[in-house]
């Protein structure tokens, strides 16, 4: 373990905190698609996020078995956690997935306004839950000087 590497409990706590993740997925002979995503992670579990069933993310993810996601701080001392793992899919549920995600990132009031403005309750059938089961981690915590 390097001088700046996080322990298992540190990396899981960091990933569970509120960050915007950057998902990377292979795109054939082109460079990977890397896009920001809202995500949820509970220590010991999968990382999951929602996307449209017909989105470019979903299309690319259906063609691969693995993806990675990185979460980072924006201020010094810089930290990041990258997870890579197998990808799986499931149906989105408004109460179990979409509402908790909106509340996590925007708070209750902002989350409800976001859900109303995007028509998420009516559009849940067009959404997909993507899970990444972490089996490879990379971490850095420059606060460990």
N, C-alpha and C. Protein backbone atom coordinates (compact mmCIF):
# COMPACT_ATOMS: atom_id res chain seq x y z
N UNK A 1 0.85 -1.18 0.00
CA UNK A 1 0.00 0.00 0.00
C UNK A 1 0.89 1.24 0.00
N UNK A 2 0.66 2.15 -0.96
CA UNK A 2 1.45 3.37 -1.07
C UNK A 2 1.14 4.36 0.03
N UNK A 3 1.99 5.35 0.14
CA UNK A 3 1.86 6.36 1.19
C UNK A 3 0.55 7.13 1.12
N UNK A 4 -0.02 7.26 -0.09
CA UNK A 4 -1.23 8.05 -0.26
C UNK A 4 -2.47 7.19 -0.50
N UNK A 5 -2.34 5.89 -0.39
CA UNK A 5 -3.46 4.98 -0.65
C UNK A 5 -4.42 4.94 0.54
N UNK A 6 -5.70 4.94 0.24
CA UNK A 6 -6.72 4.85 1.29
C UNK A 6 -6.90 3.40 1.73
N UNK A 7 -7.26 3.22 2.99
CA UNK A 7 -7.62 1.89 3.48
C UNK A 7 -8.99 1.51 2.91
N UNK A 8 -9.39 0.27 3.08
CA UNK A 8 -10.70 -0.18 2.59
C UNK A 8 -11.82 0.66 3.19
N UNK A 9 -11.79 0.88 4.50
CA UNK A 9 -12.87 1.65 5.13
C UNK A 9 -12.84 3.11 4.68
N UNK A 10 -11.66 3.67 4.48
CA UNK A 10 -11.56 5.06 4.00
C UNK A 10 -12.11 5.20 2.59
N UNK A 11 -11.74 4.26 1.71
CA UNK A 11 -12.20 4.36 0.31
C UNK A 11 -13.71 4.16 0.21
N UNK A 12 -14.25 3.23 1.02
CA UNK A 12 -15.69 3.00 0.98
C UNK A 12 -16.46 4.20 1.53
N UNK A 13 -15.95 4.81 2.59
CA UNK A 13 -16.60 5.99 3.16
C UNK A 13 -16.53 7.16 2.17
N UNK A 14 -15.39 7.32 1.52
CA UNK A 14 -15.23 8.39 0.53
C UNK A 14 -16.22 8.21 -0.62
N UNK A 15 -16.29 7.00 -1.16
CA UNK A 15 -17.19 6.75 -2.29
C UNK A 15 -18.65 6.92 -1.88
N UNK A 16 -18.99 6.62 -0.64
CA UNK A 16 -20.37 6.77 -0.16
C UNK A 16 -20.74 8.24 0.07
N UNK A 17 -19.74 9.11 0.24
CA UNK A 17 -20.02 10.54 0.40
C UNK A 17 -20.60 11.12 -0.88
N UNK A 18 -21.08 12.34 -0.80
CA UNK A 18 -21.69 13.00 -1.94
C UNK A 18 -20.62 13.56 -2.88
N UNK A 19 -20.53 12.96 -4.04
CA UNK A 19 -19.65 13.41 -5.13
C UNK A 19 -20.41 13.19 -6.43
N UNK A 20 -20.06 13.94 -7.45
CA UNK A 20 -20.50 13.60 -8.79
C UNK A 20 -19.45 12.64 -9.32
N UNK A 21 -19.89 11.50 -9.82
CA UNK A 21 -18.96 10.52 -10.36
C UNK A 21 -18.73 10.76 -11.84
N UNK A 22 -17.62 10.25 -12.34
CA UNK A 22 -17.37 10.25 -13.77
C UNK A 22 -17.30 8.80 -14.21
N UNK A 23 -18.27 8.42 -15.02
CA UNK A 23 -18.36 7.08 -15.56
C UNK A 23 -17.53 7.01 -16.83
N UNK A 24 -16.76 5.93 -16.98
CA UNK A 24 -16.03 5.68 -18.23
C UNK A 24 -16.39 4.30 -18.73
N UNK A 25 -16.72 4.25 -20.02
CA UNK A 25 -17.10 2.99 -20.65
C UNK A 25 -16.48 2.94 -22.05
N UNK A 26 -15.98 1.78 -22.41
CA UNK A 26 -15.32 1.60 -23.70
C UNK A 26 -16.28 1.94 -24.84
N UNK A 27 -15.70 2.53 -25.89
CA UNK A 27 -16.48 2.90 -27.07
C UNK A 27 -15.75 2.40 -28.32
N UNK A 28 -15.61 1.10 -28.43
CA UNK A 28 -14.98 0.50 -29.60
C UNK A 28 -13.57 1.01 -29.82
N UNK A 29 -13.26 1.37 -31.05
CA UNK A 29 -11.93 1.85 -31.40
C UNK A 29 -11.70 3.30 -30.99
N UNK A 30 -12.76 3.99 -30.59
CA UNK A 30 -12.63 5.36 -30.12
C UNK A 30 -12.16 5.35 -28.67
N UNK A 31 -11.85 6.52 -28.15
CA UNK A 31 -11.55 6.63 -26.72
C UNK A 31 -12.79 6.33 -25.92
N UNK A 32 -12.66 6.07 -24.62
CA UNK A 32 -13.85 5.75 -23.82
C UNK A 32 -14.77 6.96 -23.70
N UNK A 33 -16.05 6.68 -23.55
CA UNK A 33 -17.02 7.71 -23.21
C UNK A 33 -16.85 7.97 -21.71
N UNK A 34 -16.61 9.20 -21.32
CA UNK A 34 -16.51 9.59 -19.91
C UNK A 34 -17.50 10.71 -19.66
N UNK A 35 -18.45 10.45 -18.76
CA UNK A 35 -19.52 11.41 -18.51
C UNK A 35 -19.81 11.49 -17.01
N UNK A 36 -20.21 12.68 -16.53
CA UNK A 36 -20.58 12.80 -15.12
C UNK A 36 -21.91 12.13 -14.85
N UNK A 37 -22.03 11.51 -13.67
CA UNK A 37 -23.27 10.87 -13.26
C UNK A 37 -23.50 11.07 -11.76
N UNK A 38 -24.76 11.17 -11.40
CA UNK A 38 -25.14 11.05 -10.00
C UNK A 38 -25.14 9.56 -9.69
N UNK A 39 -24.65 9.19 -8.53
CA UNK A 39 -24.60 7.77 -8.17
C UNK A 39 -24.89 7.59 -6.69
N UNK A 40 -25.16 6.35 -6.31
CA UNK A 40 -25.32 5.99 -4.90
C UNK A 40 -24.45 4.76 -4.64
N UNK A 41 -23.77 4.79 -3.50
CA UNK A 41 -22.95 3.66 -3.08
C UNK A 41 -23.09 3.51 -1.57
N UNK A 42 -23.29 2.29 -1.13
CA UNK A 42 -23.25 1.97 0.30
C UNK A 42 -22.11 0.98 0.50
N UNK A 43 -21.25 1.21 1.52
CA UNK A 43 -20.09 0.34 1.72
C UNK A 43 -20.43 -1.15 1.62
N UNK A 44 -19.61 -1.84 0.84
CA UNK A 44 -19.79 -3.28 0.64
C UNK A 44 -20.73 -3.63 -0.49
N UNK A 45 -21.40 -2.64 -1.08
CA UNK A 45 -22.38 -2.91 -2.13
C UNK A 45 -21.90 -2.50 -3.51
N UNK A 46 -22.86 -2.37 -4.39
CA UNK A 46 -22.60 -1.93 -5.76
C UNK A 46 -22.73 -0.41 -5.84
N UNK A 47 -22.08 0.17 -6.83
CA UNK A 47 -22.31 1.56 -7.21
C UNK A 47 -23.45 1.52 -8.22
N UNK A 48 -24.44 2.39 -8.07
CA UNK A 48 -25.51 2.39 -9.07
C UNK A 48 -25.90 3.81 -9.44
N UNK A 49 -26.42 3.91 -10.66
CA UNK A 49 -26.89 5.18 -11.20
C UNK A 49 -28.01 4.88 -12.19
N UNK A 50 -28.75 5.90 -12.54
CA UNK A 50 -29.81 5.71 -13.53
C UNK A 50 -29.42 6.41 -14.83
N UNK A 51 -29.97 5.90 -15.90
CA UNK A 51 -29.78 6.50 -17.22
C UNK A 51 -30.96 6.12 -18.09
N UNK A 52 -31.14 6.85 -19.16
CA UNK A 52 -32.20 6.52 -20.10
C UNK A 52 -31.90 5.21 -20.81
N UNK A 53 -32.92 4.41 -21.02
CA UNK A 53 -32.74 3.11 -21.69
C UNK A 53 -32.09 3.26 -23.07
N UNK A 54 -32.36 4.37 -23.74
CA UNK A 54 -31.84 4.58 -25.10
C UNK A 54 -30.68 5.57 -25.14
N UNK A 55 -30.12 5.90 -24.00
CA UNK A 55 -29.01 6.86 -23.96
C UNK A 55 -27.74 6.24 -24.54
N UNK A 56 -26.80 7.10 -24.88
CA UNK A 56 -25.51 6.60 -25.38
C UNK A 56 -24.80 5.77 -24.31
N UNK A 57 -24.91 6.19 -23.05
CA UNK A 57 -24.32 5.40 -21.95
C UNK A 57 -24.88 3.99 -21.96
N UNK A 58 -26.21 3.88 -22.00
CA UNK A 58 -26.85 2.56 -21.96
C UNK A 58 -26.45 1.72 -23.17
N UNK A 59 -26.42 2.34 -24.33
CA UNK A 59 -26.04 1.62 -25.54
C UNK A 59 -24.64 1.04 -25.43
N UNK A 60 -23.71 1.85 -24.97
CA UNK A 60 -22.32 1.38 -24.84
C UNK A 60 -22.18 0.34 -23.72
N UNK A 61 -22.86 0.57 -22.60
CA UNK A 61 -22.77 -0.36 -21.48
C UNK A 61 -23.32 -1.74 -21.84
N UNK A 62 -24.36 -1.78 -22.69
CA UNK A 62 -24.90 -3.07 -23.11
C UNK A 62 -23.89 -3.87 -23.93
N UNK A 63 -22.91 -3.20 -24.52
CA UNK A 63 -21.93 -3.86 -25.37
C UNK A 63 -20.65 -4.27 -24.66
N UNK A 64 -20.56 -4.01 -23.36
CA UNK A 64 -19.35 -4.35 -22.60
C UNK A 64 -19.75 -5.07 -21.32
N UNK A 65 -18.78 -5.65 -20.67
CA UNK A 65 -19.09 -6.30 -19.39
C UNK A 65 -18.59 -5.49 -18.20
N UNK A 66 -17.72 -4.50 -18.46
CA UNK A 66 -17.09 -3.76 -17.37
C UNK A 66 -17.14 -2.26 -17.63
N UNK A 67 -17.10 -1.50 -16.53
CA UNK A 67 -17.02 -0.04 -16.61
C UNK A 67 -16.29 0.45 -15.38
N UNK A 68 -15.92 1.72 -15.38
CA UNK A 68 -15.29 2.31 -14.20
C UNK A 68 -15.95 3.63 -13.87
N UNK A 69 -15.80 4.02 -12.61
CA UNK A 69 -16.35 5.28 -12.12
C UNK A 69 -15.32 5.88 -11.17
N UNK A 70 -15.10 7.17 -11.30
CA UNK A 70 -14.20 7.87 -10.38
C UNK A 70 -14.96 8.99 -9.68
N UNK A 71 -14.67 9.15 -8.39
CA UNK A 71 -15.20 10.26 -7.60
C UNK A 71 -13.99 10.98 -7.02
N UNK A 72 -14.06 12.31 -6.96
CA UNK A 72 -12.89 13.07 -6.52
C UNK A 72 -13.32 14.31 -5.75
N UNK A 73 -12.36 14.87 -5.03
CA UNK A 73 -12.57 16.17 -4.40
C UNK A 73 -12.13 17.24 -5.38
N UNK A 74 -12.63 18.43 -5.19
CA UNK A 74 -12.31 19.55 -6.07
C UNK A 74 -11.34 20.53 -5.42
N UNK A 75 -10.98 20.29 -4.15
CA UNK A 75 -10.08 21.20 -3.45
C UNK A 75 -8.99 20.38 -2.76
N UNK A 76 -7.86 21.03 -2.51
CA UNK A 76 -6.74 20.39 -1.83
C UNK A 76 -7.08 20.18 -0.36
N UNK A 77 -6.58 19.14 0.28
CA UNK A 77 -5.73 18.10 -0.31
C UNK A 77 -6.59 17.16 -1.16
N UNK A 78 -6.18 16.92 -2.39
CA UNK A 78 -6.98 16.16 -3.35
C UNK A 78 -7.08 14.69 -2.96
N UNK A 79 -8.25 14.14 -3.25
CA UNK A 79 -8.52 12.72 -3.01
C UNK A 79 -9.33 12.20 -4.18
N UNK A 80 -9.15 10.91 -4.49
CA UNK A 80 -10.05 10.28 -5.44
C UNK A 80 -10.14 8.80 -5.17
N UNK A 81 -11.26 8.24 -5.61
CA UNK A 81 -11.49 6.80 -5.57
C UNK A 81 -11.99 6.41 -6.95
N UNK A 82 -11.36 5.38 -7.53
CA UNK A 82 -11.80 4.82 -8.80
C UNK A 82 -12.19 3.38 -8.55
N UNK A 83 -13.37 3.01 -9.04
CA UNK A 83 -13.80 1.61 -8.97
C UNK A 83 -14.02 1.12 -10.39
N UNK A 84 -13.69 -0.14 -10.57
CA UNK A 84 -13.94 -0.81 -11.84
C UNK A 84 -14.62 -2.12 -11.52
N UNK A 85 -15.54 -2.55 -12.37
CA UNK A 85 -16.20 -3.82 -12.11
C UNK A 85 -17.19 -4.21 -13.17
N UNK A 86 -17.82 -5.34 -12.89
CA UNK A 86 -18.84 -5.88 -13.80
C UNK A 86 -20.08 -5.01 -13.78
N UNK A 87 -20.71 -4.89 -14.93
CA UNK A 87 -21.90 -4.07 -15.11
C UNK A 87 -23.14 -4.98 -15.17
N UNK A 88 -24.21 -4.57 -14.49
CA UNK A 88 -25.49 -5.26 -14.60
C UNK A 88 -26.59 -4.20 -14.69
N UNK A 89 -27.76 -4.63 -15.14
CA UNK A 89 -28.87 -3.70 -15.40
C UNK A 89 -30.13 -4.16 -14.70
N UNK A 90 -30.99 -3.21 -14.41
CA UNK A 90 -32.29 -3.53 -13.83
C UNK A 90 -33.26 -2.41 -14.12
N UNK A 91 -34.54 -2.65 -13.89
CA UNK A 91 -35.54 -1.61 -14.12
C UNK A 91 -35.45 -0.52 -13.04
N UNK A 92 -35.73 0.69 -13.43
CA UNK A 92 -35.74 1.80 -12.47
C UNK A 92 -37.08 1.84 -11.77
N UNK A 93 -37.06 2.21 -10.50
CA UNK A 93 -38.27 2.39 -9.71
C UNK A 93 -38.25 3.82 -9.18
N UNK A 94 -39.36 4.51 -9.32
CA UNK A 94 -39.42 5.92 -8.92
C UNK A 94 -39.09 6.11 -7.45
N UNK A 95 -39.75 5.36 -6.57
CA UNK A 95 -39.56 5.53 -5.13
C UNK A 95 -38.25 4.94 -4.62
N UNK A 96 -37.82 3.86 -5.19
CA UNK A 96 -36.61 3.19 -4.73
C UNK A 96 -35.33 3.79 -5.31
N UNK A 97 -35.41 4.36 -6.51
CA UNK A 97 -34.21 4.84 -7.17
C UNK A 97 -34.22 6.34 -7.49
N UNK A 98 -35.21 6.77 -8.28
CA UNK A 98 -35.17 8.14 -8.80
C UNK A 98 -35.36 9.21 -7.74
N UNK A 99 -36.34 9.02 -6.86
CA UNK A 99 -36.56 10.02 -5.80
C UNK A 99 -35.36 10.09 -4.84
N UNK A 100 -34.85 8.95 -4.31
CA UNK A 100 -33.69 9.04 -3.42
C UNK A 100 -32.47 9.70 -4.09
N UNK A 101 -32.28 9.44 -5.37
CA UNK A 101 -31.14 10.04 -6.07
C UNK A 101 -31.30 11.56 -6.15
N UNK A 102 -32.49 12.02 -6.53
CA UNK A 102 -32.74 13.46 -6.63
C UNK A 102 -32.58 14.14 -5.27
N UNK A 103 -33.08 13.51 -4.21
CA UNK A 103 -32.95 14.07 -2.87
C UNK A 103 -31.50 14.09 -2.41
N UNK A 104 -30.75 13.06 -2.74
CA UNK A 104 -29.32 12.98 -2.36
C UNK A 104 -28.54 14.17 -2.92
N UNK A 105 -28.78 14.49 -4.17
CA UNK A 105 -27.99 15.53 -4.83
C UNK A 105 -28.56 16.93 -4.72
N UNK A 106 -29.87 17.06 -4.52
CA UNK A 106 -30.48 18.38 -4.53
C UNK A 106 -31.25 18.72 -3.27
N UNK A 107 -31.26 17.82 -2.29
CA UNK A 107 -32.07 18.04 -1.09
C UNK A 107 -33.53 17.73 -1.40
N UNK A 108 -34.35 17.69 -0.36
CA UNK A 108 -35.75 17.30 -0.56
C UNK A 108 -36.50 18.28 -1.45
N UNK A 109 -36.42 19.57 -1.13
CA UNK A 109 -37.16 20.57 -1.89
C UNK A 109 -36.65 20.66 -3.33
N UNK A 110 -35.35 20.78 -3.49
CA UNK A 110 -34.78 20.86 -4.84
C UNK A 110 -34.99 19.57 -5.62
N UNK A 111 -34.89 18.43 -4.92
CA UNK A 111 -35.10 17.15 -5.57
C UNK A 111 -36.51 16.99 -6.10
N UNK A 112 -37.49 17.42 -5.31
CA UNK A 112 -38.88 17.32 -5.75
C UNK A 112 -39.13 18.25 -6.95
N UNK A 113 -38.55 19.44 -6.91
CA UNK A 113 -38.70 20.37 -8.05
C UNK A 113 -38.06 19.76 -9.30
N UNK A 114 -36.90 19.16 -9.14
CA UNK A 114 -36.22 18.52 -10.27
C UNK A 114 -37.07 17.38 -10.84
N UNK A 115 -37.62 16.54 -9.97
CA UNK A 115 -38.44 15.41 -10.43
C UNK A 115 -39.68 15.90 -11.19
N UNK A 116 -40.32 16.97 -10.69
CA UNK A 116 -41.48 17.52 -11.38
C UNK A 116 -41.09 18.08 -12.75
N UNK A 117 -39.97 18.80 -12.78
CA UNK A 117 -39.57 19.46 -14.03
C UNK A 117 -39.12 18.47 -15.11
N UNK A 118 -38.62 17.31 -14.70
CA UNK A 118 -38.15 16.33 -15.67
C UNK A 118 -39.20 15.27 -16.00
N UNK A 119 -40.33 15.30 -15.31
CA UNK A 119 -41.36 14.31 -15.55
C UNK A 119 -40.91 12.90 -15.21
N UNK A 120 -40.04 12.79 -14.20
CA UNK A 120 -39.44 11.50 -13.86
C UNK A 120 -40.45 10.43 -13.49
N UNK A 121 -41.52 10.81 -12.79
CA UNK A 121 -42.48 9.80 -12.37
C UNK A 121 -43.15 9.16 -13.59
N UNK A 122 -43.52 9.98 -14.56
CA UNK A 122 -44.15 9.45 -15.77
C UNK A 122 -43.13 8.75 -16.66
N UNK A 123 -41.89 9.21 -16.62
CA UNK A 123 -40.86 8.68 -17.51
C UNK A 123 -40.04 7.55 -16.95
N UNK A 124 -40.40 7.01 -15.80
CA UNK A 124 -39.60 5.96 -15.16
C UNK A 124 -39.44 4.75 -16.07
N UNK A 125 -40.42 4.46 -16.90
CA UNK A 125 -40.32 3.31 -17.80
C UNK A 125 -39.18 3.47 -18.80
N UNK A 126 -38.79 4.70 -19.08
CA UNK A 126 -37.68 4.95 -20.00
C UNK A 126 -36.33 4.96 -19.32
N UNK A 127 -36.30 4.67 -18.01
CA UNK A 127 -35.06 4.70 -17.24
C UNK A 127 -34.58 3.31 -16.91
N UNK A 128 -33.31 3.21 -16.68
CA UNK A 128 -32.64 1.96 -16.39
C UNK A 128 -31.70 2.19 -15.22
N UNK A 129 -31.58 1.22 -14.33
CA UNK A 129 -30.60 1.28 -13.26
C UNK A 129 -29.39 0.45 -13.70
N UNK A 130 -28.23 1.06 -13.62
CA UNK A 130 -26.98 0.39 -13.97
C UNK A 130 -26.19 0.20 -12.68
N UNK A 131 -25.71 -1.00 -12.46
CA UNK A 131 -24.89 -1.31 -11.28
C UNK A 131 -23.49 -1.69 -11.72
N UNK A 132 -22.51 -1.20 -10.98
CA UNK A 132 -21.13 -1.62 -11.13
C UNK A 132 -20.76 -2.33 -9.83
N UNK A 133 -20.36 -3.59 -9.94
CA UNK A 133 -19.92 -4.35 -8.78
C UNK A 133 -18.41 -4.19 -8.67
N UNK A 134 -17.93 -3.38 -7.71
CA UNK A 134 -16.50 -3.08 -7.64
C UNK A 134 -15.65 -4.33 -7.37
N UNK A 135 -14.64 -4.53 -8.22
CA UNK A 135 -13.67 -5.59 -7.94
C UNK A 135 -12.24 -5.08 -8.11
N UNK A 136 -12.11 -3.83 -8.50
CA UNK A 136 -10.78 -3.21 -8.62
C UNK A 136 -10.91 -1.77 -8.16
N UNK A 137 -10.02 -1.38 -7.26
CA UNK A 137 -10.05 -0.03 -6.68
C UNK A 137 -8.70 0.64 -6.89
N UNK A 138 -8.72 1.94 -7.11
CA UNK A 138 -7.52 2.78 -7.08
C UNK A 138 -7.89 4.00 -6.25
N UNK A 139 -7.00 4.36 -5.36
CA UNK A 139 -7.30 5.50 -4.47
C UNK A 139 -6.09 6.35 -4.25
N UNK A 140 -6.32 7.62 -3.98
CA UNK A 140 -5.26 8.55 -3.57
C UNK A 140 -5.86 9.51 -2.57
N UNK A 141 -5.10 9.78 -1.52
CA UNK A 141 -5.46 10.79 -0.52
C UNK A 141 -4.19 11.58 -0.23
N UNK A 142 -4.07 12.74 -0.88
CA UNK A 142 -2.87 13.57 -0.71
C UNK A 142 -2.84 14.26 0.65
N UNK A 143 -3.89 14.08 1.46
CA UNK A 143 -3.88 14.59 2.82
C UNK A 143 -3.01 13.73 3.74
N UNK A 144 -2.55 12.59 3.24
CA UNK A 144 -1.72 11.67 4.03
C UNK A 144 -0.24 11.99 3.86
N UNK A 145 0.12 13.22 3.97
CA UNK A 145 1.53 13.63 3.82
C UNK A 145 2.25 13.48 5.12
